[in-house]
C-alpha atoms as a PDB file:
ATOM      1  CA  MET A   1     -18.207 -10.467 -16.731  1.00  0.00           C
ATOM      2  CA  ALA A   2     -14.898 -10.561 -18.641  1.00  0.00           C
ATOM      3  CA  PHE A   3     -13.787  -7.401 -20.429  1.00  0.00           C
ATOM      4  CA  PRO A   4     -10.985  -7.296 -23.000  1.00  0.00           C
ATOM      5  CA  MET A   5      -9.523  -4.123 -21.478  1.00  0.00           C
ATOM      6  CA  GLN A   6      -9.296  -4.443 -17.696  1.00  0.00           C
ATOM      7  CA  PHE A   7      -8.934  -1.518 -15.314  1.00  0.00           C
ATOM      8  CA  LEU A   8     -10.584  -3.185 -12.305  1.00  0.00           C
ATOM      9  CA  SER A   9      -7.563  -3.446 -10.019  1.00  0.00           C
ATOM     10  CA  ASP A  10      -3.797  -3.839 -10.026  1.00  0.00           C
ATOM     11  CA  ASN A  11      -4.467  -6.863  -7.806  1.00  0.00           C
ATOM     12  CA  ALA A  12      -5.658  -8.613 -10.961  1.00  0.00           C
ATOM     13  CA  ALA A  13      -2.516  -7.875 -12.995  1.00  0.00           C
ATOM     14  CA  ALA A  14      -0.255 -10.616 -14.305  1.00  0.00           C
ATOM     15  CA  VAL A  15       2.796 -11.828 -12.411  1.00  0.00           C
ATOM     16  CA  HIS A  16       5.937 -10.264 -13.866  1.00  0.00           C
ATOM     17  CA  PRO A  17       8.159 -12.702 -15.812  1.00  0.00           C
ATOM     18  CA  GLN A  18      11.128 -11.807 -13.611  1.00  0.00           C
ATOM     19  CA  VAL A  19       9.132 -12.919 -10.580  1.00  0.00           C
ATOM     20  CA  TRP A  20       8.228 -16.204 -12.294  1.00  0.00           C
ATOM     21  CA  ARG A  21      11.903 -16.830 -13.034  1.00  0.00           C
ATOM     22  CA  ALA A  22      12.793 -16.141  -9.408  1.00  0.00           C
ATOM     23  CA  LEU A  23      10.158 -18.616  -8.252  1.00  0.00           C
ATOM     24  CA  GLN A  24      11.542 -21.244 -10.596  1.00  0.00           C
ATOM     25  CA  ALA A  25      15.068 -20.617  -9.327  1.00  0.00           C
ATOM     26  CA  ALA A  26      13.833 -21.011  -5.739  1.00  0.00           C
ATOM     27  CA  ASP A  27      12.296 -24.390  -6.563  1.00  0.00           C
ATOM     28  CA  THR A  28      15.023 -26.392  -4.880  1.00  0.00           C
ATOM     29  CA  ALA A  29      15.405 -27.835  -1.404  1.00  0.00           C
ATOM     30  CA  ASP A  30      16.360 -25.466   1.411  1.00  0.00           C
ATOM     31  CA  THR A  31      15.640 -25.077   5.084  1.00  0.00           C
ATOM     32  CA  PRO A  32      12.009 -24.357   6.024  1.00  0.00           C
ATOM     33  CA  TYR A  33      10.103 -21.302   7.261  1.00  0.00           C
ATOM     34  CA  ASP A  34      12.339 -18.207   7.178  1.00  0.00           C
ATOM     35  CA  THR A  35      15.703 -19.859   7.714  1.00  0.00           C
ATOM     36  CA  ASP A  36      16.429 -20.343   4.003  1.00  0.00           C
ATOM     37  CA  ALA A  37      19.064 -18.367   2.133  1.00  0.00           C
ATOM     38  CA  LEU A  38      16.570 -16.130   0.317  1.00  0.00           C
ATOM     39  CA  SER A  39      14.649 -15.137   3.443  1.00  0.00           C
ATOM     40  CA  ARG A  40      17.908 -14.331   5.204  1.00  0.00           C
ATOM     41  CA  ARG A  41      18.798 -11.906   2.395  1.00  0.00           C
ATOM     42  CA  LEU A  42      15.770  -9.678   2.926  1.00  0.00           C
ATOM     43  CA  ASP A  43      17.279  -7.600   5.723  1.00  0.00           C
ATOM     44  CA  GLU A  44      20.346  -6.799   3.646  1.00  0.00           C
ATOM     45  CA  ALA A  45      18.368  -6.066   0.482  1.00  0.00           C
ATOM     46  CA  PHE A  46      16.006  -3.617   2.176  1.00  0.00           C
ATOM     47  CA  SER A  47      18.826  -2.050   4.205  1.00  0.00           C
ATOM     48  CA  GLU A  48      20.545  -1.274   0.905  1.00  0.00           C
ATOM     49  CA  LEU A  49      17.331   0.142  -0.564  1.00  0.00           C
ATOM     50  CA  PHE A  50      16.695   2.487   2.359  1.00  0.00           C
ATOM     51  CA  GLY A  51      20.327   3.309   3.189  1.00  0.00           C
ATOM     52  CA  ARG A  52      20.088   2.214   6.812  1.00  0.00           C
ATOM     53  CA  GLU A  53      19.790  -0.928   8.888  1.00  0.00           C
ATOM     54  CA  VAL A  54      16.301  -2.390   8.743  1.00  0.00           C
ATOM     55  CA  ALA A  55      14.690  -5.777   9.313  1.00  0.00           C
ATOM     56  CA  ALA A  56      12.202  -7.253   6.851  1.00  0.00           C
ATOM     57  CA  LEU A  57       9.681 -10.098   7.023  1.00  0.00           C
ATOM     58  CA  TRP A  58       7.645 -11.623   4.238  1.00  0.00           C
ATOM     59  CA  VAL A  59       3.898 -12.196   4.562  1.00  0.00           C
ATOM     60  CA  ALA A  60       1.299 -13.319   2.040  1.00  0.00           C
ATOM     61  CA  THR A  61      -1.176 -10.414   2.094  1.00  0.00           C
ATOM     62  CA  GLY A  62      -1.326  -6.676   2.554  1.00  0.00           C
ATOM     63  CA  THR A  63      -3.876  -7.044   5.341  1.00  0.00           C
ATOM     64  CA  ALA A  64      -1.457  -9.252   7.267  1.00  0.00           C
ATOM     65  CA  ALA A  65       1.383  -6.818   6.619  1.00  0.00           C
ATOM     66  CA  ASN A  66      -0.592  -3.841   7.915  1.00  0.00           C
ATOM     67  CA  CYS A  67      -2.014  -5.581  10.953  1.00  0.00           C
ATOM     68  CA  LEU A  68       1.113  -7.443  12.048  1.00  0.00           C
ATOM     69  CA  ALA A  69       3.111  -4.228  11.770  1.00  0.00           C
ATOM     70  CA  LEU A  70       0.599  -2.306  13.879  1.00  0.00           C
ATOM     71  CA  ALA A  71       0.332  -5.128  16.407  1.00  0.00           C
ATOM     72  CA  THR A  72       4.002  -4.717  17.281  1.00  0.00           C
ATOM     73  CA  MET A  73       3.447  -1.075  18.245  1.00  0.00           C
ATOM     74  CA  VAL A  74      -0.044  -0.848  19.728  1.00  0.00           C
ATOM     75  CA  GLN A  75      -1.357  -2.367  22.934  1.00  0.00           C
ATOM     76  CA  PRO A  76      -4.923  -3.783  23.116  1.00  0.00           C
ATOM     77  CA  HIS A  77      -6.041  -0.811  25.227  1.00  0.00           C
ATOM     78  CA  GLY A  78      -4.630   1.688  22.700  1.00  0.00           C
ATOM     79  CA  ALA A  79      -5.671   3.172  19.383  1.00  0.00           C
ATOM     80  CA  VAL A  80      -4.414   3.776  15.866  1.00  0.00           C
ATOM     81  CA  LEU A  81      -5.106   7.109  14.208  1.00  0.00           C
ATOM     82  CA  CYS A  82      -5.890   6.740  10.492  1.00  0.00           C
ATOM     83  CA  HIS A  83      -7.847   8.384   7.695  1.00  0.00           C
ATOM     84  CA  ARG A  84     -11.540   7.614   7.453  1.00  0.00           C
ATOM     85  CA  GLU A  85     -10.937   6.099   4.005  1.00  0.00           C
ATOM     86  CA  ALA A  86      -7.866   4.086   5.020  1.00  0.00           C
ATOM     87  CA  HIS A  87      -7.703   0.487   3.869  1.00  0.00           C
ATOM     88  CA  ILE A  88      -7.399  -0.708   7.483  1.00  0.00           C
ATOM     89  CA  GLU A  89     -10.761   0.927   8.181  1.00  0.00           C
ATOM     90  CA  MET A  90     -12.667   0.329   4.955  1.00  0.00           C
ATOM     91  CA  ASP A  91     -11.387  -2.892   3.424  1.00  0.00           C
ATOM     92  CA  GLU A  92      -9.937  -5.251   6.008  1.00  0.00           C
ATOM     93  CA  ALA A  93     -13.124  -6.632   7.582  1.00  0.00           C
ATOM     94  CA  GLY A  94     -12.127  -5.752  11.139  1.00  0.00           C
ATOM     95  CA  ALA A  95      -8.702  -7.410  10.862  1.00  0.00           C
ATOM     96  CA  PRO A  96      -6.917  -4.622  12.776  1.00  0.00           C
ATOM     97  CA  GLY A  97      -9.167  -5.209  15.784  1.00  0.00           C
ATOM     98  CA  PHE A  98      -8.564  -8.948  15.486  1.00  0.00           C
ATOM     99  CA  TYR A  99      -4.773  -8.750  15.224  1.00  0.00           C
ATOM    100  CA  LEU A 100      -4.499  -5.936  17.769  1.00  0.00           C
ATOM    101  CA  HIS A 101      -6.806  -7.717  20.225  1.00  0.00           C
ATOM    102  CA  GLY A 102      -9.407  -4.964  20.293  1.00  0.00           C
ATOM    103  CA  ALA A 103      -7.327  -1.825  19.852  1.00  0.00           C
ATOM    104  CA  LYS A 104      -9.424   0.963  18.384  1.00  0.00           C
ATOM    105  CA  LEU A 105      -9.152   2.874  15.104  1.00  0.00           C
ATOM    106  CA  VAL A 106      -9.615   6.633  15.527  1.00  0.00           C
ATOM    107  CA  LEU A 107     -10.704   8.167  12.229  1.00  0.00           C
ATOM    108  CA  VAL A 108      -9.501  11.463  10.776  1.00  0.00           C
ATOM    109  CA  ASP A 109     -10.683  13.357   7.703  1.00  0.00           C
ATOM    110  CA  GLY A 110      -8.609  14.993   5.003  1.00  0.00           C
ATOM    111  CA  PRO A 111      -8.610  15.633   1.241  1.00  0.00           C
ATOM    112  CA  SER A 112      -7.925  12.705  -1.109  1.00  0.00           C
ATOM    113  CA  ALA A 113      -7.558  10.341   1.870  1.00  0.00           C
ATOM    114  CA  LYS A 114      -4.557  12.233   3.255  1.00  0.00           C
ATOM    115  CA  MET A 115      -4.430  13.114   6.945  1.00  0.00           C
ATOM    116  CA  THR A 116      -3.404  16.691   7.654  1.00  0.00           C
ATOM    117  CA  SER A 117      -1.384  17.766  10.679  1.00  0.00           C
ATOM    118  CA  ASP A 118      -4.221  20.085  11.756  1.00  0.00           C
ATOM    119  CA  ALA A 119      -6.757  17.260  11.665  1.00  0.00           C
ATOM    120  CA  VAL A 120      -4.422  14.940  13.565  1.00  0.00           C
ATOM    121  CA  ASN A 121      -3.744  17.558  16.231  1.00  0.00           C
ATOM    122  CA  ALA A 122      -7.455  18.256  16.610  1.00  0.00           C
ATOM    123  CA  SER A 123      -8.228  14.559  16.995  1.00  0.00           C
ATOM    124  CA  LEU A 124      -5.503  14.074  19.577  1.00  0.00           C
ATOM    125  CA  ALA A 125      -6.577  17.182  21.488  1.00  0.00           C
ATOM    126  CA  ALA A 126     -10.093  15.768  21.862  1.00  0.00           C
ATOM    127  CA  ILE A 127      -8.785  12.751  23.809  1.00  0.00           C
ATOM    128  CA  ARG A 128      -8.365  13.284  27.526  1.00  0.00           C
ATOM    129  CA  ASP A 129      -5.123  12.026  28.999  1.00  0.00           C
ATOM    130  CA  ASP A 130      -6.657   9.717  31.555  1.00  0.00           C
ATOM    131  CA  VAL A 131      -7.458   6.063  32.057  1.00  0.00           C
ATOM    132  CA  HIS A 132     -11.091   6.465  31.028  1.00  0.00           C
ATOM    133  CA  GLN A 133     -10.325   7.158  27.365  1.00  0.00           C
ATOM    134  CA  VAL A 134      -8.490   5.154  24.737  1.00  0.00           C
ATOM    135  CA  GLN A 135      -5.071   6.653  24.102  1.00  0.00           C
ATOM    136  CA  VAL A 136      -3.512   6.785  20.642  1.00  0.00           C
ATOM    137  CA  HIS A 137      -0.341   4.710  20.441  1.00  0.00           C
ATOM    138  CA  ALA A 138       0.373   5.042  16.732  1.00  0.00           C
ATOM    139  CA  PHE A 139      -0.934   6.372  13.481  1.00  0.00           C
ATOM    140  CA  SER A 140      -1.097   4.849  10.032  1.00  0.00           C
ATOM    141  CA  VAL A 141      -0.725   6.699   6.747  1.00  0.00           C
ATOM    142  CA  THR A 142      -1.133   5.326   3.229  1.00  0.00           C
ATOM    143  CA  GLN A 143       1.412   6.109   0.503  1.00  0.00           C
ATOM    144  CA  ALA A 144      -0.029   6.425  -2.136  1.00  0.00           C
ATOM    145  CA  THR A 145      -3.462   6.923  -0.601  1.00  0.00           C
ATOM    146  CA  GLU A 146      -6.662   5.059  -1.343  1.00  0.00           C
ATOM    147  CA  TYR A 147      -7.477   7.832  -3.834  1.00  0.00           C
ATOM    148  CA  GLY A 148      -4.094   7.645  -5.547  1.00  0.00           C
ATOM    149  CA  CYS A 149      -2.570  10.748  -3.990  1.00  0.00           C
ATOM    150  CA  CYS A 150       0.857  11.105  -2.402  1.00  0.00           C
ATOM    151  CA  TYR A 151       2.136  12.683   0.784  1.00  0.00           C
ATOM    152  CA  ARG A 152       4.765  15.282  -0.089  1.00  0.00           C
ATOM    153  CA  PRO A 153       7.902  15.346   2.112  1.00  0.00           C
ATOM    154  CA  ASP A 154       6.705  18.438   3.984  1.00  0.00           C
ATOM    155  CA  GLU A 155       3.280  16.891   4.664  1.00  0.00           C
ATOM    156  CA  LEU A 156       4.893  13.738   5.984  1.00  0.00           C
ATOM    157  CA  ALA A 157       7.386  15.755   8.046  1.00  0.00           C
ATOM    158  CA  ALA A 158       4.546  17.658   9.721  1.00  0.00           C
ATOM    159  CA  LEU A 159       2.938  14.374  10.788  1.00  0.00           C
ATOM    160  CA  MET A 160       6.260  12.978  11.978  1.00  0.00           C
ATOM    161  CA  ALA A 161       6.765  16.091  14.106  1.00  0.00           C
ATOM    162  CA  ILE A 162       3.490  15.276  15.887  1.00  0.00           C
ATOM    163  CA  LYS A 163       4.617  11.676  16.253  1.00  0.00           C
ATOM    164  CA  SER A 164       7.854  12.748  17.932  1.00  0.00           C
ATOM    165  CA  ALA A 165       6.229  15.344  20.167  1.00  0.00           C
ATOM    166  CA  ARG A 166       3.600  12.855  21.353  1.00  0.00           C
ATOM    167  CA  GLY A 167       5.888   9.839  21.652  1.00  0.00           C
ATOM    168  CA  LEU A 168       3.844   7.860  19.106  1.00  0.00           C
ATOM    169  CA  LYS A 169       4.776   5.227  16.537  1.00  0.00           C
ATOM    170  CA  ALA A 170       4.009   5.435  12.830  1.00  0.00           C
ATOM    171  CA  HIS A 171       3.053   2.826  10.243  1.00  0.00           C
ATOM    172  CA  MET A 172       2.789   3.288   6.501  1.00  0.00           C
ATOM    173  CA  ASP A 173       0.514   1.204   4.305  1.00  0.00           C
ATOM    174  CA  GLY A 174       2.659   1.027   1.183  1.00  0.00           C
ATOM    175  CA  ALA A 175       0.506  -1.235  -0.955  1.00  0.00           C
ATOM    176  CA  ARG A 176       1.275   1.257  -3.750  1.00  0.00           C
ATOM    177  CA  PHE A 177       4.520   2.571  -2.289  1.00  0.00           C
ATOM    178  CA  GLY A 178       6.297   2.080  -5.613  1.00  0.00           C
ATOM    179  CA  ASN A 179       3.740   4.264  -7.384  1.00  0.00           C
ATOM    180  CA  ALA A 180       4.266   6.985  -4.786  1.00  0.00           C
ATOM    181  CA  VAL A 181       8.054   6.910  -5.119  1.00  0.00           C
ATOM    182  CA  ALA A 182       7.740   6.966  -8.906  1.00  0.00           C
ATOM    183  CA  PHE A 183       5.541  10.070  -8.701  1.00  0.00           C
ATOM    184  CA  LEU A 184       7.481  11.920  -6.017  1.00  0.00           C
ATOM    185  CA  GLY A 185      10.823  11.363  -7.714  1.00  0.00           C
ATOM    186  CA  GLY A 186      12.902  11.275  -4.540  1.00  0.00           C
ATOM    187  CA  THR A 187      14.448   8.331  -2.750  1.00  0.00           C
ATOM    188  CA  PRO A 188      12.465   5.510  -1.145  1.00  0.00           C
ATOM    189  CA  ALA A 189      13.679   6.734   2.246  1.00  0.00           C
ATOM    190  CA  GLN A 190      12.267  10.212   1.617  1.00  0.00           C
ATOM    191  CA  ALA A 191       8.848   8.796   0.753  1.00  0.00           C
ATOM    192  CA  CYS A 192       8.573   7.159   4.191  1.00  0.00           C
ATOM    193  CA  ALA A 193      10.801   9.388   6.334  1.00  0.00           C
ATOM    194  CA  GLY A 194      10.093   8.979  10.050  1.00  0.00           C
ATOM    195  CA  ILE A 195       8.029   5.804   9.659  1.00  0.00           C
ATOM    196  CA  ASP A 196       8.678   2.925  12.072  1.00  0.00           C
ATOM    197  CA  ALA A 197       7.147   0.135   9.987  1.00  0.00           C
ATOM    198  CA  LEU A 198       6.333   0.019   6.280  1.00  0.00           C
ATOM    199  CA  SER A 199       4.068  -2.441   4.503  1.00  0.00           C
ATOM    200  CA  PHE A 200       6.006  -2.711   1.243  1.00  0.00           C
ATOM    201  CA  GLY A 201       3.612  -3.731  -1.507  1.00  0.00           C
ATOM    202  CA  CYS A 202       4.571  -6.270  -4.162  1.00  0.00           C
ATOM    203  CA  VAL A 203       1.358  -8.033  -5.217  1.00  0.00           C
ATOM    204  CA  LYS A 204      -0.175  -4.950  -6.856  1.00  0.00           C
ATOM    205  CA  ASN A 205       3.136  -4.254  -8.592  1.00  0.00           C
ATOM    206  CA  GLY A 206       3.921  -7.527 -10.353  1.00  0.00           C
ATOM    207  CA  GLY A 207       4.229 -10.028  -7.506  1.00  0.00           C
ATOM    208  CA  MET A 208       2.110 -13.135  -7.038  1.00  0.00           C
ATOM    209  CA  ASN A 209       1.437 -13.653  -3.330  1.00  0.00           C
ATOM    210  CA  ALA A 210       4.152 -11.958  -1.313  1.00  0.00           C
ATOM    211  CA  GLU A 211       4.411  -8.667   0.554  1.00  0.00           C
ATOM    212  CA  ALA A 212       7.035  -7.402   2.994  1.00  0.00           C
ATOM    213  CA  ILE A 213       7.009  -5.616   6.340  1.00  0.00           C
ATOM    214  CA  VAL A 214      10.033  -3.356   6.737  1.00  0.00           C
ATOM    215  CA  PHE A 215      10.880  -2.382  10.305  1.00  0.00           C
ATOM    216  CA  PHE A 216      13.074   0.687  10.644  1.00  0.00           C
ATOM    217  CA  ASP A 217      13.565  -0.319  14.266  1.00  0.00           C
ATOM    218  CA  PRO A 218      14.839  -3.897  13.824  1.00  0.00           C
ATOM    219  CA  GLY A 219      13.802  -4.708  17.383  1.00  0.00           C
ATOM    220  CA  PHE A 220      10.167  -4.693  16.309  1.00  0.00           C
ATOM    221  CA  ALA A 221      10.874  -7.529  13.885  1.00  0.00           C
ATOM    222  CA  GLU A 222      11.604  -9.948  16.712  1.00  0.00           C
ATOM    223  CA  VAL A 223       8.145  -9.342  18.178  1.00  0.00           C
ATOM    224  CA  ALA A 224       6.566  -9.565  14.729  1.00  0.00           C
ATOM    225  CA  ARG A 225       8.117 -12.988  14.055  1.00  0.00           C
ATOM    226  CA  TYR A 226       6.174 -14.477  16.955  1.00  0.00           C
ATOM    227  CA  ARG A 227       2.988 -12.676  15.961  1.00  0.00           C
ATOM    228  CA  ARG A 228       3.367 -13.856  12.372  1.00  0.00           C
ATOM    229  CA  LYS A 229       3.596 -17.460  13.534  1.00  0.00           C
ATOM    230  CA  ARG A 230       0.649 -17.076  15.915  1.00  0.00           C
ATOM    231  CA  ALA A 231      -1.443 -15.546  13.128  1.00  0.00           C
ATOM    232  CA  GLY A 232      -0.804 -18.501  10.814  1.00  0.00           C
ATOM    233  CA  HIS A 233       1.404 -16.569   8.394  1.00  0.00           C
ATOM    234  CA  LEU A 234       4.706 -18.372   8.921  1.00  0.00           C
ATOM    235  CA  GLN A 235       4.707 -20.363   5.702  1.00  0.00           C
ATOM    236  CA  SER A 236       6.808 -23.514   5.677  1.00  0.00           C
ATOM    237  CA  LYS A 237       8.239 -22.775   2.228  1.00  0.00           C
ATOM    238  CA  GLY A 238       8.959 -19.139   2.855  1.00  0.00           C
ATOM    239  CA  ARG A 239      11.706 -19.067   0.265  1.00  0.00           C
ATOM    240  CA  TYR A 240       9.052 -18.691  -2.446  1.00  0.00           C
ATOM    241  CA  LEU A 241       7.774 -15.490  -0.857  1.00  0.00           C
ATOM    242  CA  ALA A 242      11.281 -14.170  -0.304  1.00  0.00           C
ATOM    243  CA  ALA A 243      12.143 -14.952  -3.925  1.00  0.00           C
ATOM    244  CA  GLN A 244       9.305 -12.752  -5.166  1.00  0.00           C
ATOM    245  CA  VAL A 245      10.250  -9.813  -2.954  1.00  0.00           C
ATOM    246  CA  LEU A 246      13.931 -10.041  -3.901  1.00  0.00           C
ATOM    247  CA  ALA A 247      13.013 -10.229  -7.589  1.00  0.00           C
ATOM    248  CA  MET A 248      11.018  -7.026  -7.227  1.00  0.00           C
ATOM    249  CA  LEU A 249      13.997  -5.281  -5.629  1.00  0.00           C
ATOM    250  CA  GLU A 250      16.541  -6.553  -8.150  1.00  0.00           C
ATOM    251  CA  GLY A 251      17.336  -3.864 -10.682  1.00  0.00           C
ATOM    252  CA  ASP A 252      14.565  -1.702  -9.176  1.00  0.00           C
ATOM    253  CA  LEU A 253      11.878  -3.728 -10.936  1.00  0.00           C
ATOM    254  CA  TRP A 254       9.395  -2.483  -8.307  1.00  0.00           C
ATOM    255  CA  LEU A 255      10.065   1.097  -9.434  1.00  0.00           C
ATOM    256  CA  SER A 256      10.041   0.516 -13.184  1.00  0.00           C
ATOM    257  CA  ASN A 257       6.762  -1.409 -12.880  1.00  0.00           C
ATOM    258  CA  ALA A 258       5.253   1.440 -10.866  1.00  0.00           C
ATOM    259  CA  ARG A 259       6.388   3.998 -13.429  1.00  0.00           C
ATOM    260  CA  ALA A 260       4.687   2.033 -16.189  1.00  0.00           C
ATOM    261  CA  ALA A 261       1.428   1.886 -14.233  1.00  0.00           C
ATOM    262  CA  ASN A 262       1.613   5.585 -13.386  1.00  0.00           C
ATOM    263  CA  ALA A 263       2.196   6.494 -17.026  1.00  0.00           C
ATOM    264  CA  ALA A 264      -0.883   4.556 -18.119  1.00  0.00           C
ATOM    265  CA  ALA A 265      -2.989   6.245 -15.422  1.00  0.00           C
ATOM    266  CA  SER A 266      -1.685   9.648 -16.478  1.00  0.00           C
ATOM    267  CA  GLU A 267      -2.802   8.927 -20.048  1.00  0.00           C
ATOM    268  CA  ILE A 268      -6.290   8.049 -18.815  1.00  0.00           C
ATOM    269  CA  GLY A 269      -6.425  10.961 -16.395  1.00  0.00           C
ATOM    270  CA  SER A 270      -5.483  13.430 -19.128  1.00  0.00           C
ATOM    271  CA  ALA A 271      -8.922  12.829 -20.622  1.00  0.00           C
ATOM    272  CA  GLY A 272     -10.733  13.362 -17.340  1.00  0.00           C
ATOM    273  CA  GLY A 273     -10.913  17.144 -17.278  1.00  0.00           C
ATOM    274  CA  ARG A 274     -13.639  18.341 -14.942  1.00  0.00           C
ATOM    275  CA  ARG A 275     -14.689  14.762 -14.302  1.00  0.00           C
ATOM    276  CA  LEU A 276     -11.620  14.129 -12.135  1.00  0.00           C
ATOM    277  CA  LEU A 277     -12.475  13.668  -8.467  1.00  0.00           C
ATOM    278  CA  HIS A 278      -8.842  13.536  -7.280  1.00  0.00           C
ATOM    279  CA  PRO A 279      -5.482  14.474  -8.777  1.00  0.00           C
ATOM    280  CA  VAL A 280      -3.893  11.615 -10.727  1.00  0.00           C
ATOM    281  CA  GLU A 281      -0.581  11.102  -8.961  1.00  0.00           C
ATOM    282  CA  ALA A 282      -0.162   7.332  -8.894  1.00  0.00           C
ATOM    283  CA  ASN A 283      -1.959   4.606 -10.849  1.00  0.00           C
ATOM    284  CA  GLU A 284      -5.621   5.277  -9.986  1.00  0.00           C
ATOM    285  CA  VAL A 285      -8.112   7.525 -11.753  1.00  0.00           C
ATOM    286  CA  PHE A 286     -11.435   8.526 -10.169  1.00  0.00           C
ATOM    287  CA  LEU A 287     -14.021  10.128 -12.439  1.00  0.00           C
ATOM    288  CA  ARG A 288     -17.564  11.428 -12.208  1.00  0.00           C
ATOM    289  CA  CYS A 289     -19.620   9.146 -14.409  1.00  0.00           C
ATOM    290  CA  THR A 290     -23.350   8.579 -14.571  1.00  0.00           C
ATOM    291  CA  ALA A 291     -24.718   5.054 -14.638  1.00  0.00           C
ATOM    292  CA  ALA A 292     -25.478   5.443 -18.353  1.00  0.00           C
ATOM    293  CA  GLU A 293     -21.952   6.644 -19.087  1.00  0.00           C
ATOM    294  CA  ARG A 294     -20.475   3.720 -17.194  1.00  0.00           C
ATOM    295  CA  GLU A 295     -22.558   1.313 -19.231  1.00  0.00           C
ATOM    296  CA  THR A 296     -21.356   3.021 -22.398  1.00  0.00           C
ATOM    297  CA  LEU A 297     -17.742   2.421 -21.392  1.00  0.00           C
ATOM    298  CA  ARG A 298     -18.418  -1.194 -20.483  1.00  0.00           C
ATOM    299  CA  SER A 299     -20.156  -1.769 -23.797  1.00  0.00           C
ATOM    300  CA  GLN A 300     -16.886  -0.749 -25.450  1.00  0.00           C
ATOM    301  CA  GLY A 301     -14.967  -3.427 -23.556  1.00  0.00           C
ATOM    302  CA  PHE A 302     -13.612  -1.561 -20.514  1.00  0.00           C
ATOM    303  CA  GLY A 303     -13.722  -3.224 -17.099  1.00  0.00           C
ATOM    304  CA  PHE A 304     -13.672  -1.054 -13.960  1.00  0.00           C
ATOM    305  CA  TYR A 305     -15.395  -0.612 -10.622  1.00  0.00           C
ATOM    306  CA  ASP A 306     -18.276   1.709  -9.845  1.00  0.00           C
ATOM    307  CA  TRP A 307     -17.322   4.075  -7.038  1.00  0.00           C
ATOM    308  CA  GLY A 308     -20.604   5.100  -5.549  1.00  0.00           C
ATOM    309  CA  PRO A 309     -23.701   6.091  -7.543  1.00  0.00           C
ATOM    310  CA  ASP A 310     -22.035   8.677  -9.793  1.00  0.00           C
ATOM    311  CA  ALA A 311     -18.363   7.774 -10.022  1.00  0.00           C
ATOM    312  CA  ALA A 312     -15.973   5.184 -11.412  1.00  0.00           C
ATOM    313  CA  ARG A 313     -12.474   4.018 -10.525  1.00  0.00           C
ATOM    314  CA  PHE A 314      -9.931   2.982 -13.129  1.00  0.00           C
ATOM    315  CA  VAL A 315      -6.675   1.339 -12.023  1.00  0.00           C
ATOM    316  CA  ALA A 316      -3.676   0.921 -14.296  1.00  0.00           C
ATOM    317  CA  SER A 317      -1.152  -1.848 -13.732  1.00  0.00           C
ATOM    318  CA  TRP A 318       2.444  -2.560 -14.656  1.00  0.00           C
ATOM    319  CA  ASP A 319       1.192  -4.590 -17.619  1.00  0.00           C
ATOM    320  CA  THR A 320      -1.473  -2.182 -18.883  1.00  0.00           C
ATOM    321  CA  LYS A 321      -1.075  -1.904 -22.646  1.00  0.00           C
ATOM    322  CA  ASP A 322      -0.446   1.568 -24.022  1.00  0.00           C
ATOM    323  CA  LYS A 323      -3.124   1.042 -26.664  1.00  0.00           C
ATOM    324  CA  ASP A 324      -5.689   0.142 -23.997  1.00  0.00           C
ATOM    325  CA  ALA A 325      -4.904   3.250 -21.952  1.00  0.00           C
ATOM    326  CA  ARG A 326      -5.193   5.413 -25.075  1.00  0.00           C
ATOM    327  CA  ALA A 327      -8.449   3.739 -26.060  1.00  0.00           C
ATOM    328  CA  LEU A 328      -9.940   4.386 -22.633  1.00  0.00           C
ATOM    329  CA  ALA A 329      -8.810   8.013 -22.737  1.00  0.00           C
ATOM    330  CA  ARG A 330     -10.525   8.483 -26.115  1.00  0.00           C
ATOM    331  CA  ALA A 331     -13.681   6.785 -24.859  1.00  0.00           C
ATOM    332  CA  ILE A 332     -13.808   9.098 -21.841  1.00  0.00           C
ATOM    333  CA  GLU A 333     -13.314  12.153 -24.051  1.00  0.00           C
ATOM    334  CA  ASN A 334     -16.210  10.992 -26.224  1.00  0.00           C
ATOM    335  CA  LEU A 335     -18.720  10.537 -23.397  1.00  0.00           C
END
């Protein structure tokens, strides 16, 4: 059913005009795959963003970004530690096991889909260090999390300390990385400090069909190039994906778009009061709502997802209209 005011998902948002212009500019002959001029600029562009040498690859989907990144760091007999609500566990239809050739996901609990250092240590301590048990090779964190909450620098540092002490690798699902950086207010590097590979989200933030994997150890990128080809993600006209990613980076469009989405979510969340299930830190709002209350909101033209029997999720996007966010806030207040 179509609703005039959509808060279903930032995946459904429009493509930003700057991205469309970049696609049009890329619509000229160049070399295929990732040998074109735009694809070759990705390493430099992301190195400038993060203030250090990195290597970056485009892919078409967030699932591919997450799984290809993890596949470079985890052997088939190993495991990835992640939150029980992580996207790689809940919403990728077993893709991590497919890409990682059977490697296991070890699930950890924590508030608002954030892993805590205590929970990670407890999970690791329960695994015997012998050949009969699957050993953790890496862990994956989500920034911002599936419930729209952000790891503070000290929380991330505590996890990275475990990573270093255990000799592990770390991946960050950054489908909403821009929203996290916009909320935290620091640098992009601070929001992913200690991470080995970052899935840098663009589609949710104004892109069309391009994401990026940023490797903070450029050596991993060489392995990932072969895995990307083997997985069917080496697109022959890769310049169109590179163009989208570069457009997002130009003038910090990725950050200004995220700020706009966060501001709309904050407006909606301000009406939540005791209904709020999680703090509103990025662009998602989770509220307690009965089935009747959800129908009331839909009857007023608001589209959103049910989140279990007594809750609803509202997602703001870069193109969410201020008047729509205010209207939803008033409707929530009036329930």
